[in-house]
PDB file of N, CA and C in Angstrom:
ATOM      1  N   MET A   1      13.088   1.709   0.859  1.00  0.00           N
ATOM      2  CA  MET A   1      12.498   1.233  -0.256  1.00  0.00           C
ATOM      3  C   MET A   1      12.751   2.343  -1.060  1.00  0.00           C
ATOM      4  N   GLU A   2      13.230   1.260  -2.471  1.00  0.00           N
ATOM      5  CA  GLU A   2      13.845   2.561  -3.377  1.00  0.00           C
ATOM      6  C   GLU A   2      12.700   1.316  -4.359  1.00  0.00           C
ATOM      7  N   LEU A   3      11.893   2.440  -4.918  1.00  0.00           N
ATOM      8  CA  LEU A   3      10.530   2.039  -6.135  1.00  0.00           C
ATOM      9  C   LEU A   3      11.383   2.019  -7.441  1.00  0.00           C
ATOM     10  N   GLY A   4      11.902   2.299  -7.745  1.00  0.00           N
ATOM     11  CA  GLY A   4      12.166   2.484  -9.080  1.00  0.00           C
ATOM     12  C   GLY A   4      11.307   3.642  -9.805  1.00  0.00           C
ATOM     13  N   GLY A   5      11.024   4.236  -9.126  1.00  0.00           N
ATOM     14  CA  GLY A   5       9.874   5.715  -9.668  1.00  0.00           C
ATOM     15  C   GLY A   5       8.210   5.093  -9.790  1.00  0.00           C
ATOM     16  N   PRO A   6       7.578   5.988  -9.426  1.00  0.00           N
ATOM     17  CA  PRO A   6       6.457   6.172  -8.930  1.00  0.00           C
ATOM     18  C   PRO A   6       5.382   4.634  -9.698  1.00  0.00           C
ATOM     19  N   ALA A   7       4.886   4.142  -8.402  1.00  0.00           N
ATOM     20  CA  ALA A   7       4.179   2.657  -8.602  1.00  0.00           C
ATOM     21  C   ALA A   7       3.444   2.851  -7.913  1.00  0.00           C
ATOM     22  N   THR A   8       2.134   1.908  -8.445  1.00  0.00           N
ATOM     23  CA  THR A   8       0.683   2.028  -7.822  1.00  0.00           C
ATOM     24  C   THR A   8       0.135   1.374  -6.678  1.00  0.00           C
ATOM     25  N   VAL A   9      -0.334   1.373  -5.625  1.00  0.00           N
ATOM     26  CA  VAL A   9      -0.614   0.916  -4.929  1.00  0.00           C
ATOM     27  C   VAL A   9      -0.388  -0.735  -4.993  1.00  0.00           C
ATOM     28  N   PRO A  10      -1.490  -1.410  -5.646  1.00  0.00           N
ATOM     29  CA  PRO A  10      -0.937  -3.093  -6.055  1.00  0.00           C
ATOM     30  C   PRO A  10       0.821  -3.310  -7.130  1.00  0.00           C
ATOM     31  N   ASP A  11       1.695  -2.155  -7.581  1.00  0.00           N
ATOM     32  CA  ASP A  11       2.803  -2.346  -8.068  1.00  0.00           C
ATOM     33  C   ASP A  11       3.191  -2.450  -6.923  1.00  0.00           C
ATOM     34  N   LEU A  12       3.311  -1.822  -5.973  1.00  0.00           N
ATOM     35  CA  LEU A  12       4.159  -2.047  -4.742  1.00  0.00           C
ATOM     36  C   LEU A  12       3.724  -3.379  -3.605  1.00  0.00           C
ATOM     37  N   LEU A  13       2.731  -3.188  -3.541  1.00  0.00           N
ATOM     38  CA  LEU A  13       2.603  -4.270  -2.807  1.00  0.00           C
ATOM     39  C   LEU A  13       3.181  -5.812  -3.372  1.00  0.00           C
ATOM     40  N   ALA A  14       2.846  -5.531  -5.166  1.00  0.00           N
ATOM     41  CA  ALA A  14       4.073  -7.220  -5.551  1.00  0.00           C
ATOM     42  C   ALA A  14       5.307  -6.736  -5.302  1.00  0.00           C
ATOM     43  N   GLN A  15       5.770  -5.891  -5.125  1.00  0.00           N
ATOM     44  CA  GLN A  15       6.963  -5.870  -5.349  1.00  0.00           C
ATOM     45  C   GLN A  15       7.653  -6.403  -3.683  1.00  0.00           C
ATOM     46  N   ILE A  16       6.691  -5.586  -1.989  1.00  0.00           N
ATOM     47  CA  ILE A  16       7.179  -6.385  -1.564  1.00  0.00           C
ATOM     48  C   ILE A  16       6.748  -7.773  -0.733  1.00  0.00           C
ATOM     49  N   GLY A  17       5.618  -8.413  -2.181  1.00  0.00           N
ATOM     50  CA  GLY A  17       5.679  -9.702  -1.283  1.00  0.00           C
ATOM     51  C   GLY A  17       4.755  -9.441  -0.634  1.00  0.00           C
ATOM     52  N   ALA A  18       3.734  -8.286  -0.222  1.00  0.00           N
ATOM     53  CA  ALA A  18       2.749  -8.421   0.525  1.00  0.00           C
ATOM     54  C   ALA A  18       1.243  -8.769   0.111  1.00  0.00           C
ATOM     55  N   PRO A  19       0.181  -9.446   0.800  1.00  0.00           N
ATOM     56  CA  PRO A  19      -0.827  -9.691   0.255  1.00  0.00           C
ATOM     57  C   PRO A  19      -2.012  -8.691  -0.276  1.00  0.00           C
ATOM     58  N   SER A  20      -2.898  -8.995  -1.191  1.00  0.00           N
ATOM     59  CA  SER A  20      -3.625  -7.588  -1.666  1.00  0.00           C
ATOM     60  C   SER A  20      -5.302  -8.396  -0.953  1.00  0.00           C
ATOM     61  N   ASN A  21      -5.096  -8.850  -0.378  1.00  0.00           N
ATOM     62  CA  ASN A  21      -6.658  -8.770   0.691  1.00  0.00           C
ATOM     63  C   ASN A  21      -6.073  -9.026   1.598  1.00  0.00           C
ATOM     64  N   GLY A  22      -7.367  -9.020   2.399  1.00  0.00           N
ATOM     65  CA  GLY A  22      -7.257  -8.687   3.890  1.00  0.00           C
ATOM     66  C   GLY A  22      -5.863  -7.542   4.625  1.00  0.00           C
ATOM     67  N   VAL A  23      -5.872  -7.069   3.378  1.00  0.00           N
ATOM     68  CA  VAL A  23      -5.082  -5.532   4.179  1.00  0.00           C
ATOM     69  C   VAL A  23      -5.667  -4.447   3.571  1.00  0.00           C
ATOM     70  N   ALA A  24      -5.684  -2.595   4.431  1.00  0.00           N
ATOM     71  CA  ALA A  24      -5.760  -1.577   4.325  1.00  0.00           C
ATOM     72  C   ALA A  24      -4.441  -0.688   4.096  1.00  0.00           C
ATOM     73  N   ILE A  25      -4.494   0.342   3.617  1.00  0.00           N
ATOM     74  CA  ILE A  25      -3.160   0.942   2.948  1.00  0.00           C
ATOM     75  C   ILE A  25      -3.285   2.426   3.380  1.00  0.00           C
ATOM     76  N   ALA A  26      -2.127   2.749   3.972  1.00  0.00           N
ATOM     77  CA  ALA A  26      -1.819   3.976   4.079  1.00  0.00           C
ATOM     78  C   ALA A  26      -1.061   5.023   3.626  1.00  0.00           C
ATOM     79  N   VAL A  27      -1.282   6.397   2.466  1.00  0.00           N
ATOM     80  CA  VAL A  27       0.055   6.538   2.182  1.00  0.00           C
ATOM     81  C   VAL A  27      -0.039   7.922   2.839  1.00  0.00           C
ATOM     82  N   ASN A  28       0.987   8.405   3.914  1.00  0.00           N
ATOM     83  CA  ASN A  28       1.282   9.367   4.433  1.00  0.00           C
ATOM     84  C   ASN A  28       0.285   9.980   4.944  1.00  0.00           C
ATOM     85  N   GLY A  29      -0.987   8.963   5.905  1.00  0.00           N
ATOM     86  CA  GLY A  29      -1.732   8.671   7.443  1.00  0.00           C
ATOM     87  C   GLY A  29      -2.773   8.415   6.907  1.00  0.00           C
ATOM     88  N   GLU A  30      -3.007   8.525   5.207  1.00  0.00           N
ATOM     89  CA  GLU A  30      -4.367   8.456   4.323  1.00  0.00           C
ATOM     90  C   GLU A  30      -5.079   7.104   3.850  1.00  0.00           C
ATOM     91  N   ILE A  31      -5.537   7.054   5.157  1.00  0.00           N
ATOM     92  CA  ILE A  31      -6.131   5.430   4.269  1.00  0.00           C
ATOM     93  C   ILE A  31      -6.666   5.527   3.161  1.00  0.00           C
ATOM     94  N   ILE A  32      -6.170   4.114   2.719  1.00  0.00           N
ATOM     95  CA  ILE A  32      -6.650   4.697   0.875  1.00  0.00           C
ATOM     96  C   ILE A  32      -8.100   3.616   0.567  1.00  0.00           C
ATOM     97  N   SER A  33      -8.898   3.977  -0.208  1.00  0.00           N
ATOM     98  CA  SER A  33      -9.809   2.590  -0.522  1.00  0.00           C
ATOM     99  C   SER A  33     -10.031   1.709  -1.290  1.00  0.00           C
ATOM    100  N   ARG A  34      -9.588   0.852  -1.024  1.00  0.00           N
ATOM    101  CA  ARG A  34      -9.331  -0.479  -2.657  1.00  0.00           C
ATOM    102  C   ARG A  34      -9.836  -0.611  -3.387  1.00  0.00           C
ATOM    103  N   SER A  35     -11.089   0.747  -3.650  1.00  0.00           N
ATOM    104  CA  SER A  35     -10.952   1.165  -5.246  1.00  0.00           C
ATOM    105  C   SER A  35     -10.100   2.337  -5.777  1.00  0.00           C
ATOM    106  N   ARG A  36      -9.341   2.788  -5.030  1.00  0.00           N
ATOM    107  CA  ARG A  36      -8.397   4.075  -5.101  1.00  0.00           C
ATOM    108  C   ARG A  36      -7.133   3.694  -5.224  1.00  0.00           C
ATOM    109  N   TRP A  37      -6.713   2.261  -4.982  1.00  0.00           N
ATOM    110  CA  TRP A  37      -5.158   1.583  -5.527  1.00  0.00           C
ATOM    111  C   TRP A  37      -4.964   1.949  -6.184  1.00  0.00           C
ATOM    112  N   SER A  38      -5.546   1.496  -7.223  1.00  0.00           N
ATOM    113  CA  SER A  38      -4.473   1.413  -9.175  1.00  0.00           C
ATOM    114  C   SER A  38      -4.790   3.079  -9.064  1.00  0.00           C
ATOM    115  N   GLU A  39      -5.492   3.811  -9.165  1.00  0.00           N
ATOM    116  CA  GLU A  39      -5.308   5.317  -9.359  1.00  0.00           C
ATOM    117  C   GLU A  39      -4.303   5.895  -8.707  1.00  0.00           C
ATOM    118  N   THR A  40      -3.786   5.039  -7.190  1.00  0.00           N
ATOM    119  CA  THR A  40      -2.973   5.996  -6.198  1.00  0.00           C
ATOM    120  C   THR A  40      -0.760   5.827  -6.380  1.00  0.00           C
ATOM    121  N   ARG A  41      -1.156   6.620  -6.460  1.00  0.00           N
ATOM    122  CA  ARG A  41       0.849   6.762  -7.085  1.00  0.00           C
ATOM    123  C   ARG A  41       1.365   6.199  -5.865  1.00  0.00           C
ATOM    124  N   VAL A  42       2.379   5.923  -5.157  1.00  0.00           N
ATOM    125  CA  VAL A  42       3.487   5.466  -4.203  1.00  0.00           C
ATOM    126  C   VAL A  42       5.269   6.558  -5.059  1.00  0.00           C
ATOM    127  N   GLY A  43       5.471   7.637  -4.258  1.00  0.00           N
ATOM    128  CA  GLY A  43       7.107   8.200  -5.283  1.00  0.00           C
ATOM    129  C   GLY A  43       7.711   7.738  -3.144  1.00  0.00           C
ATOM    130  N   ASP A  44       8.449   8.873  -4.072  1.00  0.00           N
ATOM    131  CA  ASP A  44      10.275   8.351  -3.501  1.00  0.00           C
ATOM    132  C   ASP A  44       9.602   9.736  -2.417  1.00  0.00           C
ATOM    133  N   GLY A  45      10.071   9.428  -0.477  1.00  0.00           N
ATOM    134  CA  GLY A  45       9.513   9.604  -0.121  1.00  0.00           C
ATOM    135  C   GLY A  45       8.155   9.746   0.713  1.00  0.00           C
ATOM    136  N   ASP A  46       7.402   8.806  -0.231  1.00  0.00           N
ATOM    137  CA  ASP A  46       5.867   9.311   0.384  1.00  0.00           C
ATOM    138  C   ASP A  46       6.058   7.633   2.007  1.00  0.00           C
ATOM    139  N   ILE A  47       5.115   8.194   3.375  1.00  0.00           N
ATOM    140  CA  ILE A  47       5.343   6.668   3.867  1.00  0.00           C
ATOM    141  C   ILE A  47       3.812   6.156   3.618  1.00  0.00           C
ATOM    142  N   VAL A  48       4.065   4.657   3.293  1.00  0.00           N
ATOM    143  CA  VAL A  48       3.215   3.916   2.865  1.00  0.00           C
ATOM    144  C   VAL A  48       2.913   2.862   4.205  1.00  0.00           C
ATOM    145  N   GLU A  49       1.996   2.869   4.218  1.00  0.00           N
ATOM    146  CA  GLU A  49       1.546   1.060   6.008  1.00  0.00           C
ATOM    147  C   GLU A  49       1.072   0.241   5.478  1.00  0.00           C
ATOM    148  N   VAL A  50       1.413  -1.362   5.887  1.00  0.00           N
ATOM    149  CA  VAL A  50      -0.360  -1.979   5.092  1.00  0.00           C
ATOM    150  C   VAL A  50      -0.476  -2.876   6.395  1.00  0.00           C
ATOM    151  N   ILE A  51      -1.731  -1.556   6.614  1.00  0.00           N
ATOM    152  CA  ILE A  51      -2.541  -2.776   8.227  1.00  0.00           C
ATOM    153  C   ILE A  51      -3.141  -3.965   7.708  1.00  0.00           C
ATOM    154  N   THR A  52      -2.462  -5.293   8.182  1.00  0.00           N
ATOM    155  CA  THR A  52      -3.404  -5.785   8.324  1.00  0.00           C
ATOM    156  C   THR A  52      -4.323  -6.622   9.874  1.00  0.00           C
ATOM    157  N   ALA A  53      -5.557  -6.880   9.299  1.00  0.00           N
ATOM    158  CA  ALA A  53      -6.140  -7.253  10.411  1.00  0.00           C
ATOM    159  C   ALA A  53      -5.899  -8.445  11.440  1.00  0.00           C
ATOM    160  N   MET A  54      -5.883  -8.009  12.504  1.00  0.00           N
ATOM    161  CA  MET A  54      -5.620  -9.567  13.759  1.00  0.00           C
ATOM    162  C   MET A  54      -6.742  -9.984  14.539  1.00  0.00           C
ATOM    163  N   GLN A  55      -6.886 -11.258  14.723  1.00  0.00           N
ATOM    164  CA  GLN A  55      -8.349 -11.603  15.097  1.00  0.00           C
ATOM    165  C   GLN A  55      -7.502 -12.527  16.951  1.00  0.00           C
ATOM    166  N   GLY A  56      -8.537 -12.336  17.469  1.00  0.00           N
ATOM    167  CA  GLY A  56      -7.957 -12.047  19.110  1.00  0.00           C
ATOM    168  C   GLY A  56      -8.974 -12.979  19.984  1.00  0.00           C
ATOM    169  N   GLY A  57      -7.991 -12.658  21.547  1.00  0.00           N
ATOM    170  CA  GLY A  57      -9.587 -12.670  22.304  1.00  0.00           C
ATOM    171  C   GLY A  57      -8.605 -12.042  24.095  1.00  0.00           C
TER     172      GLY A  57
END
């Protein structure tokens, strides 16, 4: 996905229509704490994973 320049984690979530609650974010294999989302820049070549919690039994 092309971002059109550097974006923060919240910017990326908004662009892909992902919720900001109930998810964890990893950038290049590193979990990013929610308190750092606004300062974490995502750019071309970065690998971003949006991880959602699932319930089950």
